[in-house]
Amino acid sequence: MEMDYQPDRFFDDTGQWLLCATHGAAYRPDTGACAGGPCRGGLTAIAVSEKAGRVRWHTSWNLKPVNYPI
């Protein structure tokens, strides 16, 4: 799910909260903890690396697809 509510915009106007464009939830950028709104828990950190202009994310034991009821 994309988080940017406008192209390349992820934070509120104060720069303090990371916003979810889909649900309007706010998260602490330093921990990923829910700070308000309709959160379903906090955000999970994902390890990334960059090499030769490509960014890659790396899987982890705690990254699993979540099925939400429709």
PDB file of N, CA and C in Angstrom:
ATOM      1  N   MET A   1       0.846  -1.162   0.000  1.00  0.00           N
ATOM      2  CA  MET A   1       0.000   0.000   0.000  1.00  0.00           C
ATOM      3  C   MET A   1       0.897   1.233   0.000  1.00  0.00           C
ATOM      4  N   GLU A   2       0.598   2.174  -0.842  1.00  0.00           N
ATOM      5  CA  GLU A   2       1.363   3.403  -0.874  1.00  0.00           C
ATOM      6  C   GLU A   2       0.941   4.319   0.266  1.00  0.00           C
ATOM      7  N   MET A   3       1.902   4.998   0.844  1.00  0.00           N
ATOM      8  CA  MET A   3       1.613   5.889   1.956  1.00  0.00           C
ATOM      9  C   MET A   3       1.489   7.351   1.526  1.00  0.00           C
ATOM     10  N   ASP A   4       2.100   7.728   0.406  1.00  0.00           N
ATOM     11  CA  ASP A   4       2.131   9.149   0.044  1.00  0.00           C
ATOM     12  C   ASP A   4       0.753   9.658  -0.353  1.00  0.00           C
ATOM     13  N   TYR A   5       0.296  10.688   0.350  1.00  0.00           N
ATOM     14  CA  TYR A   5      -1.030  11.250   0.094  1.00  0.00           C
ATOM     15  C   TYR A   5      -1.000  12.254  -1.049  1.00  0.00           C
ATOM     16  N   GLN A   6       0.177  12.727  -1.409  1.00  0.00           N
ATOM     17  CA  GLN A   6       0.441  13.518  -2.611  1.00  0.00           C
ATOM     18  C   GLN A   6       1.774  13.010  -3.128  1.00  0.00           C
ATOM     19  N   PRO A   7       2.092  13.231  -4.405  1.00  0.00           N
ATOM     20  CA  PRO A   7       3.373  12.704  -4.909  1.00  0.00           C
ATOM     21  C   PRO A   7       4.555  13.119  -4.029  1.00  0.00           C
ATOM     22  N   ASP A   8       5.252  12.123  -3.538  1.00  0.00           N
ATOM     23  CA  ASP A   8       6.436  12.308  -2.697  1.00  0.00           C
ATOM     24  C   ASP A   8       6.173  13.060  -1.391  1.00  0.00           C
ATOM     25  N   ARG A   9       4.954  13.020  -0.879  1.00  0.00           N
ATOM     26  CA  ARG A   9       4.601  13.654   0.402  1.00  0.00           C
ATOM     27  C   ARG A   9       4.124  12.565   1.360  1.00  0.00           C
ATOM     28  N   PHE A  10       4.778  12.460   2.495  1.00  0.00           N
ATOM     29  CA  PHE A  10       4.462  11.414   3.466  1.00  0.00           C
ATOM     30  C   PHE A  10       4.126  11.964   4.848  1.00  0.00           C
ATOM     31  N   PHE A  11       4.555  13.190   5.132  1.00  0.00           N
ATOM     32  CA  PHE A  11       4.380  13.767   6.456  1.00  0.00           C
ATOM     33  C   PHE A  11       3.318  14.859   6.455  1.00  0.00           C
ATOM     34  N   ASP A  12       2.761  15.114   7.631  1.00  0.00           N
ATOM     35  CA  ASP A  12       1.809  16.213   7.763  1.00  0.00           C
ATOM     36  C   ASP A  12       2.545  17.540   7.561  1.00  0.00           C
ATOM     37  N   ASP A  13       1.810  18.641   7.596  1.00  0.00           N
ATOM     38  CA  ASP A  13       2.407  19.952   7.337  1.00  0.00           C
ATOM     39  C   ASP A  13       3.460  20.352   8.369  1.00  0.00           C
ATOM     40  N   THR A  14       3.388  19.784   9.565  1.00  0.00           N
ATOM     41  CA  THR A  14       4.387  20.110  10.593  1.00  0.00           C
ATOM     42  C   THR A  14       5.654  19.281  10.435  1.00  0.00           C
ATOM     43  N   GLY A  15       5.588  18.201   9.664  1.00  0.00           N
ATOM     44  CA  GLY A  15       6.721  17.297   9.513  1.00  0.00           C
ATOM     45  C   GLY A  15       6.888  16.348  10.678  1.00  0.00           C
ATOM     46  N   GLN A  16       5.907  16.336  11.580  1.00  0.00           N
ATOM     47  CA  GLN A  16       6.014  15.527  12.797  1.00  0.00           C
ATOM     48  C   GLN A  16       5.443  14.127  12.634  1.00  0.00           C
ATOM     49  N   TRP A  17       4.378  13.955  11.853  1.00  0.00           N
ATOM     50  CA  TRP A  17       3.680  12.673  11.779  1.00  0.00           C
ATOM     51  C   TRP A  17       3.714  12.107  10.357  1.00  0.00           C
ATOM     52  N   LEU A  18       3.950  10.813  10.266  1.00  0.00           N
ATOM     53  CA  LEU A  18       3.871  10.079   9.010  1.00  0.00           C
ATOM     54  C   LEU A  18       2.407   9.722   8.805  1.00  0.00           C
ATOM     55  N   LEU A  19       1.834  10.089   7.658  1.00  0.00           N
ATOM     56  CA  LEU A  19       0.403   9.897   7.422  1.00  0.00           C
ATOM     57  C   LEU A  19       0.131   8.765   6.449  1.00  0.00           C
ATOM     58  N   CYS A  20      -0.976   8.057   6.674  1.00  0.00           N
ATOM     59  CA  CYS A  20      -1.448   7.041   5.742  1.00  0.00           C
ATOM     60  C   CYS A  20      -2.505   7.684   4.852  1.00  0.00           C
ATOM     61  N   ALA A  21      -2.252   7.719   3.555  1.00  0.00           N
ATOM     62  CA  ALA A  21      -3.188   8.337   2.619  1.00  0.00           C
ATOM     63  C   ALA A  21      -4.482   7.538   2.498  1.00  0.00           C
ATOM     64  N   THR A  22      -4.449   6.252   2.769  1.00  0.00           N
ATOM     65  CA  THR A  22      -5.633   5.408   2.610  1.00  0.00           C
ATOM     66  C   THR A  22      -6.600   5.542   3.778  1.00  0.00           C
ATOM     67  N   HIS A  23      -6.104   5.504   5.006  1.00  0.00           N
ATOM     68  CA  HIS A  23      -6.974   5.495   6.176  1.00  0.00           C
ATOM     69  C   HIS A  23      -6.890   6.753   7.042  1.00  0.00           C
ATOM     70  N   GLY A  24      -5.914   7.612   6.788  1.00  0.00           N
ATOM     71  CA  GLY A  24      -5.784   8.828   7.571  1.00  0.00           C
ATOM     72  C   GLY A  24      -5.122   8.642   8.916  1.00  0.00           C
ATOM     73  N   ALA A  25      -4.516   7.502   9.152  1.00  0.00           N
ATOM     74  CA  ALA A  25      -3.835   7.253  10.419  1.00  0.00           C
ATOM     75  C   ALA A  25      -2.520   8.033  10.454  1.00  0.00           C
ATOM     76  N   ALA A  26      -2.076   8.366  11.655  1.00  0.00           N
ATOM     77  CA  ALA A  26      -0.807   9.065  11.847  1.00  0.00           C
ATOM     78  C   ALA A  26       0.127   8.163  12.646  1.00  0.00           C
ATOM     79  N   TYR A  27       1.402   8.146  12.270  1.00  0.00           N
ATOM     80  CA  TYR A  27       2.390   7.289  12.916  1.00  0.00           C
ATOM     81  C   TYR A  27       3.613   8.103  13.316  1.00  0.00           C
ATOM     82  N   ARG A  28       4.277   7.665  14.366  1.00  0.00           N
ATOM     83  CA  ARG A  28       5.536   8.285  14.784  1.00  0.00           C
ATOM     84  C   ARG A  28       6.625   7.808  13.821  1.00  0.00           C
ATOM     85  N   PRO A  29       7.338   8.701  13.170  1.00  0.00           N
ATOM     86  CA  PRO A  29       8.347   8.271  12.201  1.00  0.00           C
ATOM     87  C   PRO A  29       9.556   7.572  12.828  1.00  0.00           C
ATOM     88  N   ASP A  30       9.841   7.818  14.095  1.00  0.00           N
ATOM     89  CA  ASP A  30      11.006   7.204  14.730  1.00  0.00           C
ATOM     90  C   ASP A  30      10.757   5.771  15.175  1.00  0.00           C
ATOM     91  N   THR A  31       9.488   5.431  15.474  1.00  0.00           N
ATOM     92  CA  THR A  31       9.191   4.083  15.971  1.00  0.00           C
ATOM     93  C   THR A  31       8.144   3.342  15.140  1.00  0.00           C
ATOM     94  N   GLY A  32       7.341   4.066  14.366  1.00  0.00           N
ATOM     95  CA  GLY A  32       6.250   3.449  13.615  1.00  0.00           C
ATOM     96  C   GLY A  32       5.013   3.218  14.459  1.00  0.00           C
ATOM     97  N   ALA A  33       5.026   3.650  15.712  1.00  0.00           N
ATOM     98  CA  ALA A  33       3.875   3.465  16.600  1.00  0.00           C
ATOM     99  C   ALA A  33       2.714   4.344  16.138  1.00  0.00           C
ATOM    100  N   CYS A  34       1.504   3.849  16.318  1.00  0.00           N
ATOM    101  CA  CYS A  34       0.309   4.599  15.958  1.00  0.00           C
ATOM    102  C   CYS A  34       0.181   5.817  16.871  1.00  0.00           C
ATOM    103  N   ALA A  35      -0.036   6.986  16.263  1.00  0.00           N
ATOM    104  CA  ALA A  35      -0.185   8.219  17.025  1.00  0.00           C
ATOM    105  C   ALA A  35      -1.609   8.748  16.963  1.00  0.00           C
ATOM    106  N   GLY A  36      -2.469   8.124  16.151  1.00  0.00           N
ATOM    107  CA  GLY A  36      -3.855   8.559  16.052  1.00  0.00           C
ATOM    108  C   GLY A  36      -4.493   8.084  14.771  1.00  0.00           C
ATOM    109  N   GLY A  37      -5.807   8.030  14.799  1.00  0.00           N
ATOM    110  CA  GLY A  37      -6.537   7.591  13.612  1.00  0.00           C
ATOM    111  C   GLY A  37      -6.829   6.108  13.648  1.00  0.00           C
ATOM    112  N   PRO A  38      -7.362   5.580  12.557  1.00  0.00           N
ATOM    113  CA  PRO A  38      -7.761   4.164  12.512  1.00  0.00           C
ATOM    114  C   PRO A  38      -6.590   3.229  12.241  1.00  0.00           C
ATOM    115  N   CYS A  39      -5.705   3.067  13.219  1.00  0.00           N
ATOM    116  CA  CYS A  39      -4.541   2.187  13.065  1.00  0.00           C
ATOM    117  C   CYS A  39      -4.913   0.741  13.372  1.00  0.00           C
ATOM    118  N   ARG A  40      -4.229  -0.169  12.724  1.00  0.00           N
ATOM    119  CA  ARG A  40      -4.333  -1.595  13.047  1.00  0.00           C
ATOM    120  C   ARG A  40      -2.972  -2.059  13.540  1.00  0.00           C
ATOM    121  N   GLY A  41      -2.492  -1.394  14.550  1.00  0.00           N
ATOM    122  CA  GLY A  41      -1.156  -1.649  15.054  1.00  0.00           C
ATOM    123  C   GLY A  41      -0.193  -0.631  14.466  1.00  0.00           C
ATOM    124  N   GLY A  42       1.074  -0.794  14.770  1.00  0.00           N
ATOM    125  CA  GLY A  42       2.088   0.119  14.270  1.00  0.00           C
ATOM    126  C   GLY A  42       2.664  -0.352  12.948  1.00  0.00           C
ATOM    127  N   LEU A  43       3.581   0.436  12.432  1.00  0.00           N
ATOM    128  CA  LEU A  43       4.271   0.085  11.197  1.00  0.00           C
ATOM    129  C   LEU A  43       5.453  -0.820  11.513  1.00  0.00           C
ATOM    130  N   THR A  44       5.829  -1.660  10.568  1.00  0.00           N
ATOM    131  CA  THR A  44       6.954  -2.559  10.714  1.00  0.00           C
ATOM    132  C   THR A  44       8.126  -2.034   9.901  1.00  0.00           C
ATOM    133  N   ALA A  45       9.291  -1.947  10.515  1.00  0.00           N
ATOM    134  CA  ALA A  45      10.486  -1.512   9.796  1.00  0.00           C
ATOM    135  C   ALA A  45      10.885  -2.567   8.773  1.00  0.00           C
ATOM    136  N   ILE A  46      11.295  -2.122   7.614  1.00  0.00           N
ATOM    137  CA  ILE A  46      11.747  -3.013   6.552  1.00  0.00           C
ATOM    138  C   ILE A  46      13.172  -2.622   6.186  1.00  0.00           C
ATOM    139  N   ALA A  47      14.069  -3.586   6.201  1.00  0.00           N
ATOM    140  CA  ALA A  47      15.460  -3.324   5.834  1.00  0.00           C
ATOM    141  C   ALA A  47      15.547  -3.065   4.332  1.00  0.00           C
ATOM    142  N   VAL A  48      16.285  -2.037   3.968  1.00  0.00           N
ATOM    143  CA  VAL A  48      16.489  -1.711   2.553  1.00  0.00           C
ATOM    144  C   VAL A  48      17.977  -1.506   2.303  1.00  0.00           C
ATOM    145  N   SER A  49      18.355  -1.651   1.042  1.00  0.00           N
ATOM    146  CA  SER A  49      19.724  -1.358   0.636  1.00  0.00           C
ATOM    147  C   SER A  49      19.678  -0.713  -0.741  1.00  0.00           C
ATOM    148  N   GLU A  50      20.734   0.015  -1.070  1.00  0.00           N
ATOM    149  CA  GLU A  50      20.825   0.670  -2.376  1.00  0.00           C
ATOM    150  C   GLU A  50      22.166   0.314  -2.992  1.00  0.00           C
ATOM    151  N   LYS A  51      22.124  -0.071  -4.267  1.00  0.00           N
ATOM    152  CA  LYS A  51      23.349  -0.392  -4.992  1.00  0.00           C
ATOM    153  C   LYS A  51      23.124  -0.064  -6.455  1.00  0.00           C
ATOM    154  N   ALA A  52      24.021   0.684  -7.006  1.00  0.00           N
ATOM    155  CA  ALA A  52      23.973   1.047  -8.428  1.00  0.00           C
ATOM    156  C   ALA A  52      22.638   1.699  -8.807  1.00  0.00           C
ATOM    157  N   GLY A  53      22.133   2.555  -7.910  1.00  0.00           N
ATOM    158  CA  GLY A  53      20.905   3.276  -8.212  1.00  0.00           C
ATOM    159  C   GLY A  53      19.619   2.495  -8.013  1.00  0.00           C
ATOM    160  N   ARG A  54      19.700   1.293  -7.495  1.00  0.00           N
ATOM    161  CA  ARG A  54      18.504   0.483  -7.236  1.00  0.00           C
ATOM    162  C   ARG A  54      18.314   0.303  -5.740  1.00  0.00           C
ATOM    163  N   VAL A  55      17.082   0.489  -5.285  1.00  0.00           N
ATOM    164  CA  VAL A  55      16.753   0.278  -3.880  1.00  0.00           C
ATOM    165  C   VAL A  55      16.027  -1.057  -3.772  1.00  0.00           C
ATOM    166  N   ARG A  56      16.459  -1.868  -2.831  1.00  0.00           N
ATOM    167  CA  ARG A  56      15.838  -3.189  -2.625  1.00  0.00           C
ATOM    168  C   ARG A  56      15.405  -3.315  -1.185  1.00  0.00           C
ATOM    169  N   TRP A  57      14.246  -3.971  -0.984  1.00  0.00           N
ATOM    170  CA  TRP A  57      13.819  -4.264   0.378  1.00  0.00           C
ATOM    171  C   TRP A  57      14.071  -5.734   0.642  1.00  0.00           C
ATOM    172  N   HIS A  58      14.316  -6.069   1.909  1.00  0.00           N
ATOM    173  CA  HIS A  58      14.723  -7.413   2.294  1.00  0.00           C
ATOM    174  C   HIS A  58      13.682  -8.027   3.219  1.00  0.00           C
ATOM    175  N   THR A  59      13.345  -9.259   2.942  1.00  0.00           N
ATOM    176  CA  THR A  59      12.329  -9.947   3.725  1.00  0.00           C
ATOM    177  C   THR A  59      12.833 -10.261   5.127  1.00  0.00           C
ATOM    178  N   SER A  60      11.896 -10.560   5.998  1.00  0.00           N
ATOM    179  CA  SER A  60      12.200 -10.886   7.380  1.00  0.00           C
ATOM    180  C   SER A  60      11.156 -11.878   7.875  1.00  0.00           C
ATOM    181  N   TRP A  61      11.445 -12.559   8.960  1.00  0.00           N
ATOM    182  CA  TRP A  61      10.510 -13.548   9.509  1.00  0.00           C
ATOM    183  C   TRP A  61       9.172 -12.931   9.874  1.00  0.00           C
ATOM    184  N   ASN A  62       9.152 -11.637  10.236  1.00  0.00           N
ATOM    185  CA  ASN A  62       7.906 -11.023  10.698  1.00  0.00           C
ATOM    186  C   ASN A  62       7.149 -10.288   9.593  1.00  0.00           C
ATOM    187  N   LEU A  63       7.589 -10.379   8.360  1.00  0.00           N
ATOM    188  CA  LEU A  63       6.877  -9.756   7.245  1.00  0.00           C
ATOM    189  C   LEU A  63       6.048 -10.804   6.528  1.00  0.00           C
ATOM    190  N   LYS A  64       4.760 -10.756   6.759  1.00  0.00           N
ATOM    191  CA  LYS A  64       3.851 -11.728   6.163  1.00  0.00           C
ATOM    192  C   LYS A  64       2.634 -10.991   5.630  1.00  0.00           C
ATOM    193  N   PRO A  65       2.044 -11.477   4.536  1.00  0.00           N
ATOM    194  CA  PRO A  65       0.812 -10.848   4.036  1.00  0.00           C
ATOM    195  C   PRO A  65      -0.291 -10.906   5.082  1.00  0.00           C
ATOM    196  N   VAL A  66      -1.097  -9.887   5.123  1.00  0.00           N
ATOM    197  CA  VAL A  66      -2.228  -9.835   6.045  1.00  0.00           C
ATOM    198  C   VAL A  66      -3.499  -9.786   5.231  1.00  0.00           C
ATOM    199  N   ASN A  67      -4.442 -10.664   5.537  1.00  0.00           N
ATOM    200  CA  ASN A  67      -5.739 -10.659   4.872  1.00  0.00           C
ATOM    201  C   ASN A  67      -6.736  -9.919   5.723  1.00  0.00           C
ATOM    202  N   TYR A  68      -7.306  -8.861   5.171  1.00  0.00           N
ATOM    203  CA  TYR A  68      -8.321  -8.101   5.867  1.00  0.00           C
ATOM    204  C   TYR A  68      -9.690  -8.433   5.276  1.00  0.00           C
ATOM    205  N   PRO A  69     -10.701  -8.531   6.116  1.00  0.00           N
ATOM    206  CA  PRO A  69     -12.044  -8.799   5.581  1.00  0.00           C
ATOM    207  C   PRO A  69     -12.502  -7.641   4.705  1.00  0.00           C
ATOM    208  N   ILE A  70     -13.226  -7.985   3.685  1.00  0.00           N
ATOM    209  CA  ILE A  70     -13.740  -6.958   2.755  1.00  0.00           C
ATOM    210  C   ILE A  70     -15.062  -6.418   3.243  1.00  0.00           C
TER     211      ILE A  70
END
